[in-house]
Amino acid sequence: RQTPGNQRELVAVITGSTTNYADSVKG
């Protein structure tokens, strides 16, 4: 995701069977 003036940041991705979330959206 990206907001004006900020870098695009990871929210959540699936790599193989592994899921990774940004700390701000966990849970």
mmCIF file of all heavy atoms, coordinates in Angstrom:
data_MODEL
# 
_entry.id   MODEL 
# 
loop_
_atom_site.group_PDB 
_atom_site.id 
_atom_site.type_symbol 
_atom_site.label_atom_id 
_atom_site.label_alt_id 
_atom_site.label_comp_id 
_atom_site.label_asym_id 
_atom_site.label_entity_id 
_atom_site.label_seq_id 
_atom_site.pdbx_PDB_ins_code 
_atom_site.Cartn_x 
_atom_site.Cartn_y 
_atom_site.Cartn_z 
_atom_site.occupancy 
_atom_site.B_iso_or_equiv 
_atom_site.pdbx_formal_charge 
_atom_site.auth_seq_id 
_atom_site.auth_comp_id 
_atom_site.auth_asym_id 
_atom_site.auth_atom_id 
_atom_site.pdbx_PDB_model_num 
ATOM 1   N N   . ARG A 1 1  ? 0.830  -1.187  0.000  1.00 0.00 ? 1  ARG A N   1 
ATOM 2   C CA  . ARG A 1 1  ? 0.000  0.000   0.000  1.00 0.00 ? 1  ARG A CA  1 
ATOM 3   C C   . ARG A 1 1  ? 0.871  1.245   0.000  1.00 0.00 ? 1  ARG A C   1 
ATOM 4   O O   . ARG A 1 1  ? 2.027  1.215   0.405  1.00 0.00 ? 1  ARG A O   1 
ATOM 5   C CB  . ARG A 1 1  ? -0.959 0.021   1.195  1.00 0.00 ? 1  ARG A CB  1 
ATOM 6   C CG  . ARG A 1 1  ? -0.293 0.174   2.560  1.00 0.00 ? 1  ARG A CG  1 
ATOM 7   C CD  . ARG A 1 1  ? -1.328 0.019   3.671  1.00 0.00 ? 1  ARG A CD  1 
ATOM 8   N NE  . ARG A 1 1  ? -0.741 0.194   4.991  1.00 0.00 ? 1  ARG A NE  1 
ATOM 9   C CZ  . ARG A 1 1  ? -1.390 -0.030  6.130  1.00 0.00 ? 1  ARG A CZ  1 
ATOM 10  N NH1 . ARG A 1 1  ? -2.654 -0.430  6.110  1.00 0.00 ? 1  ARG A NH1 1 
ATOM 11  N NH2 . ARG A 1 1  ? -0.775 0.161   7.296  1.00 0.00 ? 1  ARG A NH2 1 
ATOM 12  N N   . GLN A 1 2  ? 0.277  2.357   -0.449 1.00 0.00 ? 2  GLN A N   1 
ATOM 13  C CA  . GLN A 1 2  ? 1.022  3.598   -0.566 1.00 0.00 ? 2  GLN A CA  1 
ATOM 14  C C   . GLN A 1 2  ? 0.102  4.789   -0.357 1.00 0.00 ? 2  GLN A C   1 
ATOM 15  O O   . GLN A 1 2  ? -1.023 4.815   -0.847 1.00 0.00 ? 2  GLN A O   1 
ATOM 16  C CB  . GLN A 1 2  ? 1.681  3.691   -1.943 1.00 0.00 ? 2  GLN A CB  1 
ATOM 17  C CG  . GLN A 1 2  ? 2.632  4.860   -2.112 1.00 0.00 ? 2  GLN A CG  1 
ATOM 18  C CD  . GLN A 1 2  ? 3.420  4.765   -3.407 1.00 0.00 ? 2  GLN A CD  1 
ATOM 19  O OE1 . GLN A 1 2  ? 2.976  4.147   -4.367 1.00 0.00 ? 2  GLN A OE1 1 
ATOM 20  N NE2 . GLN A 1 2  ? 4.595  5.370   -3.431 1.00 0.00 ? 2  GLN A NE2 1 
ATOM 21  N N   . THR A 1 3  ? 0.611  5.779   0.388  1.00 0.00 ? 3  THR A N   1 
ATOM 22  C CA  . THR A 1 3  ? -0.077 7.039   0.583  1.00 0.00 ? 3  THR A CA  1 
ATOM 23  C C   . THR A 1 3  ? 0.770  8.143   -0.037 1.00 0.00 ? 3  THR A C   1 
ATOM 24  O O   . THR A 1 3  ? 1.984  7.977   -0.218 1.00 0.00 ? 3  THR A O   1 
ATOM 25  C CB  . THR A 1 3  ? -0.319 7.327   2.067  1.00 0.00 ? 3  THR A CB  1 
ATOM 26  O OG1 . THR A 1 3  ? 0.929  7.287   2.777  1.00 0.00 ? 3  THR A OG1 1 
ATOM 27  C CG2 . THR A 1 3  ? -1.257 6.289   2.676  1.00 0.00 ? 3  THR A CG2 1 
ATOM 28  N N   . PRO A 1 4  ? 0.161  9.284   -0.373 1.00 0.00 ? 4  PRO A N   1 
ATOM 29  C CA  . PRO A 1 4  ? 0.922  10.369  -0.996 1.00 0.00 ? 4  PRO A CA  1 
ATOM 30  C C   . PRO A 1 4  ? 2.131  10.799  -0.166 1.00 0.00 ? 4  PRO A C   1 
ATOM 31  O O   . PRO A 1 4  ? 2.016  11.011  1.045  1.00 0.00 ? 4  PRO A O   1 
ATOM 32  C CB  . PRO A 1 4  ? -0.104 11.500  -1.101 1.00 0.00 ? 4  PRO A CB  1 
ATOM 33  C CG  . PRO A 1 4  ? -1.417 10.793  -1.192 1.00 0.00 ? 4  PRO A CG  1 
ATOM 34  C CD  . PRO A 1 4  ? -1.273 9.606   -0.278 1.00 0.00 ? 4  PRO A CD  1 
ATOM 35  N N   . GLY A 1 5  ? 3.278  10.902  -0.816 1.00 0.00 ? 5  GLY A N   1 
ATOM 36  C CA  . GLY A 1 5  ? 4.487  11.336  -0.151 1.00 0.00 ? 5  GLY A CA  1 
ATOM 37  C C   . GLY A 1 5  ? 5.246  10.248  0.575  1.00 0.00 ? 5  GLY A C   1 
ATOM 38  O O   . GLY A 1 5  ? 6.314  10.516  1.142  1.00 0.00 ? 5  GLY A O   1 
ATOM 39  N N   . ASN A 1 6  ? 4.712  9.042   0.587  1.00 0.00 ? 6  ASN A N   1 
ATOM 40  C CA  . ASN A 1 6  ? 5.359  7.931   1.282  1.00 0.00 ? 6  ASN A CA  1 
ATOM 41  C C   . ASN A 1 6  ? 5.768  6.837   0.319  1.00 0.00 ? 6  ASN A C   1 
ATOM 42  O O   . ASN A 1 6  ? 5.260  6.746   -0.803 1.00 0.00 ? 6  ASN A O   1 
ATOM 43  C CB  . ASN A 1 6  ? 4.423  7.355   2.343  1.00 0.00 ? 6  ASN A CB  1 
ATOM 44  C CG  . ASN A 1 6  ? 4.089  8.337   3.437  1.00 0.00 ? 6  ASN A CG  1 
ATOM 45  O OD1 . ASN A 1 6  ? 4.969  8.984   3.989  1.00 0.00 ? 6  ASN A OD1 1 
ATOM 46  N ND2 . ASN A 1 6  ? 2.807  8.455   3.749  1.00 0.00 ? 6  ASN A ND2 1 
ATOM 47  N N   . GLN A 1 7  ? 6.699  6.005   0.759  1.00 0.00 ? 7  GLN A N   1 
ATOM 48  C CA  . GLN A 1 7  ? 7.101  4.857   -0.029 1.00 0.00 ? 7  GLN A CA  1 
ATOM 49  C C   . GLN A 1 7  ? 6.044  3.772   0.043  1.00 0.00 ? 7  GLN A C   1 
ATOM 50  O O   . GLN A 1 7  ? 5.280  3.686   1.007  1.00 0.00 ? 7  GLN A O   1 
ATOM 51  C CB  . GLN A 1 7  ? 8.440  4.300   0.479  1.00 0.00 ? 7  GLN A CB  1 
ATOM 52  C CG  . GLN A 1 7  ? 9.619  5.235   0.343  1.00 0.00 ? 7  GLN A CG  1 
ATOM 53  C CD  . GLN A 1 7  ? 10.920 4.544   0.685  1.00 0.00 ? 7  GLN A CD  1 
ATOM 54  O OE1 . GLN A 1 7  ? 11.345 3.616   -0.023 1.00 0.00 ? 7  GLN A OE1 1 
ATOM 55  N NE2 . GLN A 1 7  ? 11.555 4.973   1.755  1.00 0.00 ? 7  GLN A NE2 1 
ATOM 56  N N   . ARG A 1 8  ? 6.008  2.972   -0.981 1.00 0.00 ? 8  ARG A N   1 
ATOM 57  C CA  . ARG A 1 8  ? 5.120  1.822   -0.968 1.00 0.00 ? 8  ARG A CA  1 
ATOM 58  C C   . ARG A 1 8  ? 5.607  0.824   0.080  1.00 0.00 ? 8  ARG A C   1 
ATOM 59  O O   . ARG A 1 8  ? 6.793  0.489   0.132  1.00 0.00 ? 8  ARG A O   1 
ATOM 60  C CB  . ARG A 1 8  ? 5.086  1.183   -2.349 1.00 0.00 ? 8  ARG A CB  1 
ATOM 61  C CG  . ARG A 1 8  ? 3.983  0.172   -2.554 1.00 0.00 ? 8  ARG A CG  1 
ATOM 62  C CD  . ARG A 1 8  ? 3.861  -0.217  -4.033 1.00 0.00 ? 8  ARG A CD  1 
ATOM 63  N NE  . ARG A 1 8  ? 3.502  0.931   -4.866 1.00 0.00 ? 8  ARG A NE  1 
ATOM 64  C CZ  . ARG A 1 8  ? 3.293  0.869   -6.171 1.00 0.00 ? 8  ARG A CZ  1 
ATOM 65  N NH1 . ARG A 1 8  ? 3.395  -0.299  -6.801 1.00 0.00 ? 8  ARG A NH1 1 
ATOM 66  N NH2 . ARG A 1 8  ? 2.983  1.961   -6.849 1.00 0.00 ? 8  ARG A NH2 1 
ATOM 67  N N   . GLU A 1 9  ? 4.700  0.356   0.912  1.00 0.00 ? 9  GLU A N   1 
ATOM 68  C CA  . GLU A 1 9  ? 5.077  -0.528  1.999  1.00 0.00 ? 9  GLU A CA  1 
ATOM 69  C C   . GLU A 1 9  ? 4.363  -1.867  1.899  1.00 0.00 ? 9  GLU A C   1 
ATOM 70  O O   . GLU A 1 9  ? 3.228  -1.961  1.430  1.00 0.00 ? 9  GLU A O   1 
ATOM 71  C CB  . GLU A 1 9  ? 4.779  0.113   3.359  1.00 0.00 ? 9  GLU A CB  1 
ATOM 72  C CG  . GLU A 1 9  ? 3.309  0.324   3.642  1.00 0.00 ? 9  GLU A CG  1 
ATOM 73  C CD  . GLU A 1 9  ? 3.044  0.813   5.058  1.00 0.00 ? 9  GLU A CD  1 
ATOM 74  O OE1 . GLU A 1 9  ? 3.995  0.879   5.860  1.00 0.00 ? 9  GLU A OE1 1 
ATOM 75  O OE2 . GLU A 1 9  ? 1.877  1.130   5.364  1.00 0.00 ? 9  GLU A OE2 1 
ATOM 76  N N   . LEU A 1 10 ? 5.045  -2.882  2.375  1.00 0.00 ? 10 LEU A N   1 
ATOM 77  C CA  . LEU A 1 10 ? 4.466  -4.215  2.410  1.00 0.00 ? 10 LEU A CA  1 
ATOM 78  C C   . LEU A 1 10 ? 3.329  -4.271  3.413  1.00 0.00 ? 10 LEU A C   1 
ATOM 79  O O   . LEU A 1 10 ? 3.436  -3.751  4.521  1.00 0.00 ? 10 LEU A O   1 
ATOM 80  C CB  . LEU A 1 10 ? 5.542  -5.244  2.777  1.00 0.00 ? 10 LEU A CB  1 
ATOM 81  C CG  . LEU A 1 10 ? 5.138  -6.718  2.827  1.00 0.00 ? 10 LEU A CG  1 
ATOM 82  C CD1 . LEU A 1 10 ? 6.316  -7.593  2.418  1.00 0.00 ? 10 LEU A CD1 1 
ATOM 83  C CD2 . LEU A 1 10 ? 4.670  -7.116  4.226  1.00 0.00 ? 10 LEU A CD2 1 
ATOM 84  N N   . VAL A 1 11 ? 2.241  -4.903  3.014  1.00 0.00 ? 11 VAL A N   1 
ATOM 85  C CA  . VAL A 1 11 ? 1.110  -5.133  3.905  1.00 0.00 ? 11 VAL A CA  1 
ATOM 86  C C   . VAL A 1 11 ? 1.063  -6.602  4.308  1.00 0.00 ? 11 VAL A C   1 
ATOM 87  O O   . VAL A 1 11 ? 1.092  -6.935  5.492  1.00 0.00 ? 11 VAL A O   1 
ATOM 88  C CB  . VAL A 1 11 ? -0.222 -4.731  3.256  1.00 0.00 ? 11 VAL A CB  1 
ATOM 89  C CG1 . VAL A 1 11 ? -1.389 -5.043  4.190  1.00 0.00 ? 11 VAL A CG1 1 
ATOM 90  C CG2 . VAL A 1 11 ? -0.217 -3.249  2.906  1.00 0.00 ? 11 VAL A CG2 1 
ATOM 91  N N   . ALA A 1 12 ? 0.981  -7.474  3.326  1.00 0.00 ? 12 ALA A N   1 
ATOM 92  C CA  . ALA A 1 12 ? 0.916  -8.906  3.578  1.00 0.00 ? 12 ALA A CA  1 
ATOM 93  C C   . ALA A 1 12 ? 1.274  -9.655  2.307  1.00 0.00 ? 12 ALA A C   1 
ATOM 94  O O   . ALA A 1 12 ? 0.779  -9.323  1.237  1.00 0.00 ? 12 ALA A O   1 
ATOM 95  C CB  . ALA A 1 12 ? -0.484 -9.318  4.043  1.00 0.00 ? 12 ALA A CB  1 
ATOM 96  N N   . VAL A 1 13 ? 2.143  -10.650 2.420  1.00 0.00 ? 13 VAL A N   1 
ATOM 97  C CA  . VAL A 1 13 ? 2.522  -11.457 1.273  1.00 0.00 ? 13 VAL A CA  1 
ATOM 98  C C   . VAL A 1 13 ? 2.576  -12.927 1.650  1.00 0.00 ? 13 VAL A C   1 
ATOM 99  O O   . VAL A 1 13 ? 2.796  -13.280 2.810  1.00 0.00 ? 13 VAL A O   1 
ATOM 100 C CB  . VAL A 1 13 ? 3.889  -11.046 0.666  1.00 0.00 ? 13 VAL A CB  1 
ATOM 101 C CG1 . VAL A 1 13 ? 3.832  -9.635  0.114  1.00 0.00 ? 13 VAL A CG1 1 
ATOM 102 C CG2 . VAL A 1 13 ? 4.998  -11.183 1.700  1.00 0.00 ? 13 VAL A CG2 1 
ATOM 103 N N   . ILE A 1 14 ? 2.376  -13.752 0.648  1.00 0.00 ? 14 ILE A N   1 
ATOM 104 C CA  . ILE A 1 14 ? 2.527  -15.195 0.793  1.00 0.00 ? 14 ILE A CA  1 
ATOM 105 C C   . ILE A 1 14 ? 3.713  -15.629 -0.050 1.00 0.00 ? 14 ILE A C   1 
ATOM 106 O O   . ILE A 1 14 ? 3.735  -15.403 -1.262 1.00 0.00 ? 14 ILE A O   1 
ATOM 107 C CB  . ILE A 1 14 ? 1.264  -15.949 0.352  1.00 0.00 ? 14 ILE A CB  1 
ATOM 108 C CG1 . ILE A 1 14 ? 0.054  -15.502 1.165  1.00 0.00 ? 14 ILE A CG1 1 
ATOM 109 C CG2 . ILE A 1 14 ? 1.476  -17.454 0.489  1.00 0.00 ? 14 ILE A CG2 1 
ATOM 110 C CD1 . ILE A 1 14 ? -1.253 -16.086 0.669  1.00 0.00 ? 14 ILE A CD1 1 
ATOM 111 N N   . THR A 1 15 ? 4.684  -16.251 0.582  1.00 0.00 ? 15 THR A N   1 
ATOM 112 C CA  . THR A 1 15 ? 5.847  -16.797 -0.102 1.00 0.00 ? 15 THR A CA  1 
ATOM 113 C C   . THR A 1 15 ? 5.854  -18.297 0.153  1.00 0.00 ? 15 THR A C   1 
ATOM 114 O O   . THR A 1 15 ? 6.159  -18.739 1.265  1.00 0.00 ? 15 THR A O   1 
ATOM 115 C CB  . THR A 1 15 ? 7.148  -16.169 0.401  1.00 0.00 ? 15 THR A CB  1 
ATOM 116 O OG1 . THR A 1 15 ? 7.074  -14.743 0.259  1.00 0.00 ? 15 THR A OG1 1 
ATOM 117 C CG2 . THR A 1 15 ? 8.341  -16.699 -0.381 1.00 0.00 ? 15 THR A CG2 1 
ATOM 118 N N   . GLY A 1 16 ? 5.500  -19.055 -0.865 1.00 0.00 ? 16 GLY A N   1 
ATOM 119 C CA  . GLY A 1 16 ? 5.321  -20.480 -0.663 1.00 0.00 ? 16 GLY A CA  1 
ATOM 120 C C   . GLY A 1 16 ? 4.181  -20.709 0.303  1.00 0.00 ? 16 GLY A C   1 
ATOM 121 O O   . GLY A 1 16 ? 3.048  -20.285 0.064  1.00 0.00 ? 16 GLY A O   1 
ATOM 122 N N   . SER A 1 17 ? 4.495  -21.337 1.418  1.00 0.00 ? 17 SER A N   1 
ATOM 123 C CA  . SER A 1 17 ? 3.500  -21.583 2.444  1.00 0.00 ? 17 SER A CA  1 
ATOM 124 C C   . SER A 1 17 ? 3.623  -20.627 3.626  1.00 0.00 ? 17 SER A C   1 
ATOM 125 O O   . SER A 1 17 ? 2.908  -20.773 4.622  1.00 0.00 ? 17 SER A O   1 
ATOM 126 C CB  . SER A 1 17 ? 3.602  -23.031 2.943  1.00 0.00 ? 17 SER A CB  1 
ATOM 127 O OG  . SER A 1 17 ? 4.876  -23.283 3.510  1.00 0.00 ? 17 SER A OG  1 
ATOM 128 N N   . THR A 1 18 ? 4.507  -19.647 3.497  1.00 0.00 ? 18 THR A N   1 
ATOM 129 C CA  . THR A 1 18 ? 4.768  -18.711 4.581  1.00 0.00 ? 18 THR A CA  1 
ATOM 130 C C   . THR A 1 18 ? 4.069  -17.383 4.334  1.00 0.00 ? 18 THR A C   1 
ATOM 131 O O   . THR A 1 18 ? 4.145  -16.824 3.242  1.00 0.00 ? 18 THR A O   1 
ATOM 132 C CB  . THR A 1 18 ? 6.278  -18.473 4.752  1.00 0.00 ? 18 THR A CB  1 
ATOM 133 O OG1 . THR A 1 18 ? 6.928  -19.715 5.026  1.00 0.00 ? 18 THR A OG1 1 
ATOM 134 C CG2 . THR A 1 18 ? 6.548  -17.501 5.894  1.00 0.00 ? 18 THR A CG2 1 
ATOM 135 N N   . THR A 1 19 ? 3.415  -16.870 5.352  1.00 0.00 ? 19 THR A N   1 
ATOM 136 C CA  . THR A 1 19 ? 2.725  -15.587 5.280  1.00 0.00 ? 19 THR A CA  1 
ATOM 137 C C   . THR A 1 19 ? 3.437  -14.566 6.147  1.00 0.00 ? 19 THR A C   1 
ATOM 138 O O   . THR A 1 19 ? 3.803  -14.851 7.290  1.00 0.00 ? 19 THR A O   1 
ATOM 139 C CB  . THR A 1 19 ? 1.268  -15.726 5.736  1.00 0.00 ? 19 THR A CB  1 
ATOM 140 O OG1 . THR A 1 19 ? 0.609  -16.721 4.947  1.00 0.00 ? 19 THR A OG1 1 
ATOM 141 C CG2 . THR A 1 19 ? 0.532  -14.407 5.589  1.00 0.00 ? 19 THR A CG2 1 
ATOM 142 N N   . ASN A 1 20 ? 3.636  -13.376 5.606  1.00 0.00 ? 20 ASN A N   1 
ATOM 143 C CA  . ASN A 1 20 ? 4.270  -12.294 6.335  1.00 0.00 ? 20 ASN A CA  1 
ATOM 144 C C   . ASN A 1 20 ? 3.366  -11.077 6.327  1.00 0.00 ? 20 ASN A C   1 
ATOM 145 O O   . ASN A 1 20 ? 2.809  -10.716 5.294  1.00 0.00 ? 20 ASN A O   1 
ATOM 146 C CB  . ASN A 1 20 ? 5.624  -11.939 5.716  1.00 0.00 ? 20 ASN A CB  1 
ATOM 147 C CG  . ASN A 1 20 ? 6.623  -13.065 5.798  1.00 0.00 ? 20 ASN A CG  1 
ATOM 148 O OD1 . ASN A 1 20 ? 6.889  -13.756 4.813  1.00 0.00 ? 20 ASN A OD1 1 
ATOM 149 N ND2 . ASN A 1 20 ? 7.187  -13.262 6.981  1.00 0.00 ? 20 ASN A ND2 1 
ATOM 150 N N   . TYR A 1 21 ? 3.254  -10.434 7.490  1.00 0.00 ? 21 TYR A N   1 
ATOM 151 C CA  . TYR A 1 21 ? 2.428  -9.252  7.648  1.00 0.00 ? 21 TYR A CA  1 
ATOM 152 C C   . TYR A 1 21 ? 3.235  -8.092  8.205  1.00 0.00 ? 21 TYR A C   1 
ATOM 153 O O   . TYR A 1 21 ? 4.157  -8.290  9.005  1.00 0.00 ? 21 TYR A O   1 
ATOM 154 C CB  . TYR A 1 21 ? 1.271  -9.513  8.606  1.00 0.00 ? 21 TYR A CB  1 
ATOM 155 C CG  . TYR A 1 21 ? 0.262  -10.522 8.130  1.00 0.00 ? 21 TYR A CG  1 
ATOM 156 C CD1 . TYR A 1 21 ? 0.389  -11.868 8.448  1.00 0.00 ? 21 TYR A CD1 1 
ATOM 157 C CD2 . TYR A 1 21 ? -0.834 -10.126 7.373  1.00 0.00 ? 21 TYR A CD2 1 
ATOM 158 C CE1 . TYR A 1 21 ? -0.543 -12.795 8.026  1.00 0.00 ? 21 TYR A CE1 1 
ATOM 159 C CE2 . TYR A 1 21 ? -1.775 -11.048 6.946  1.00 0.00 ? 21 TYR A CE2 1 
ATOM 160 C CZ  . TYR A 1 21 ? -1.620 -12.385 7.273  1.00 0.00 ? 21 TYR A CZ  1 
ATOM 161 O OH  . TYR A 1 21 ? -2.556 -13.298 6.851  1.00 0.00 ? 21 TYR A OH  1 
ATOM 162 N N   . ALA A 1 22 ? 2.860  -6.887  7.801  1.00 0.00 ? 22 ALA A N   1 
ATOM 163 C CA  . ALA A 1 22 ? 3.389  -5.711  8.469  1.00 0.00 ? 22 ALA A CA  1 
ATOM 164 C C   . ALA A 1 22 ? 2.898  -5.706  9.907  1.00 0.00 ? 22 ALA A C   1 
ATOM 165 O O   . ALA A 1 22 ? 1.778  -6.132  10.199 1.00 0.00 ? 22 ALA A O   1 
ATOM 166 C CB  . ALA A 1 22 ? 2.931  -4.444  7.754  1.00 0.00 ? 22 ALA A CB  1 
ATOM 167 N N   . ASP A 1 23 ? 3.747  -5.225  10.818 1.00 0.00 ? 23 ASP A N   1 
ATOM 168 C CA  . ASP A 1 23 ? 3.367  -5.201  12.227 1.00 0.00 ? 23 ASP A CA  1 
ATOM 169 C C   . ASP A 1 23 ? 2.071  -4.423  12.454 1.00 0.00 ? 23 ASP A C   1 
ATOM 170 O O   . ASP A 1 23 ? 1.282  -4.769  13.336 1.00 0.00 ? 23 ASP A O   1 
ATOM 171 C CB  . ASP A 1 23 ? 4.484  -4.587  13.072 1.00 0.00 ? 23 ASP A CB  1 
ATOM 172 C CG  . ASP A 1 23 ? 5.693  -5.493  13.193 1.00 0.00 ? 23 ASP A CG  1 
ATOM 173 O OD1 . ASP A 1 23 ? 5.559  -6.708  12.957 1.00 0.00 ? 23 ASP A OD1 1 
ATOM 174 O OD2 . ASP A 1 23 ? 6.778  -4.980  13.530 1.00 0.00 ? 23 ASP A OD2 1 
ATOM 175 N N   . SER A 1 24 ? 1.858  -3.400  11.658 1.00 0.00 ? 24 SER A N   1 
ATOM 176 C CA  . SER A 1 24 ? 0.704  -2.539  11.846 1.00 0.00 ? 24 SER A CA  1 
ATOM 177 C C   . SER A 1 24 ? -0.627 -3.210  11.515 1.00 0.00 ? 24 SER A C   1 
ATOM 178 O O   . SER A 1 24 ? -1.681 -2.711  11.914 1.00 0.00 ? 24 SER A O   1 
ATOM 179 C CB  . SER A 1 24 ? 0.849  -1.263  11.008 1.00 0.00 ? 24 SER A CB  1 
ATOM 180 O OG  . SER A 1 24 ? 0.947  -1.575  9.630  1.00 0.00 ? 24 SER A OG  1 
ATOM 181 N N   . VAL A 1 25 ? -0.590 -4.334  10.800 1.00 0.00 ? 25 VAL A N   1 
ATOM 182 C CA  . VAL A 1 25 ? -1.831 -4.989  10.400 1.00 0.00 ? 25 VAL A CA  1 
ATOM 183 C C   . VAL A 1 25 ? -1.985 -6.383  10.990 1.00 0.00 ? 25 VAL A C   1 
ATOM 184 O O   . VAL A 1 25 ? -3.035 -7.015  10.797 1.00 0.00 ? 25 VAL A O   1 
ATOM 185 C CB  . VAL A 1 25 ? -1.966 -5.072  8.863  1.00 0.00 ? 25 VAL A CB  1 
ATOM 186 C CG1 . VAL A 1 25 ? -1.795 -3.693  8.237  1.00 0.00 ? 25 VAL A CG1 1 
ATOM 187 C CG2 . VAL A 1 25 ? -0.965 -6.061  8.277  1.00 0.00 ? 25 VAL A CG2 1 
ATOM 188 N N   . LYS A 1 26 ? -0.992 -6.860  11.706 1.00 0.00 ? 26 LYS A N   1 
ATOM 189 C CA  . LYS A 1 26 ? -1.074 -8.193  12.305 1.00 0.00 ? 26 LYS A CA  1 
ATOM 190 C C   . LYS A 1 26 ? -2.267 -8.298  13.234 1.00 0.00 ? 26 LYS A C   1 
ATOM 191 O O   . LYS A 1 26 ? -2.530 -7.417  14.043 1.00 0.00 ? 26 LYS A O   1 
ATOM 192 C CB  . LYS A 1 26 ? 0.213  -8.519  13.074 1.00 0.00 ? 26 LYS A CB  1 
ATOM 193 C CG  . LYS A 1 26 ? 1.396  -8.861  12.194 1.00 0.00 ? 26 LYS A CG  1 
ATOM 194 C CD  . LYS A 1 26 ? 2.614  -9.237  13.031 1.00 0.00 ? 26 LYS A CD  1 
ATOM 195 C CE  . LYS A 1 26 ? 3.779  -9.625  12.147 1.00 0.00 ? 26 LYS A CE  1 
ATOM 196 N NZ  . LYS A 1 26 ? 4.989  -9.946  12.942 1.00 0.00 ? 26 LYS A NZ  1 
ATOM 197 N N   . GLY A 1 27 ? -2.994 -9.382  13.092 1.00 0.00 ? 27 GLY A N   1 
ATOM 198 C CA  . GLY A 1 27 ? -4.176 -9.600  13.905 1.00 0.00 ? 27 GLY A CA  1 
ATOM 199 C C   . GLY A 1 27 ? -5.430 -8.994  13.337 1.00 0.00 ? 27 GLY A C   1 
ATOM 200 O O   . GLY A 1 27 ? -6.530 -9.291  13.819 1.00 0.00 ? 27 GLY A O   1 
# 
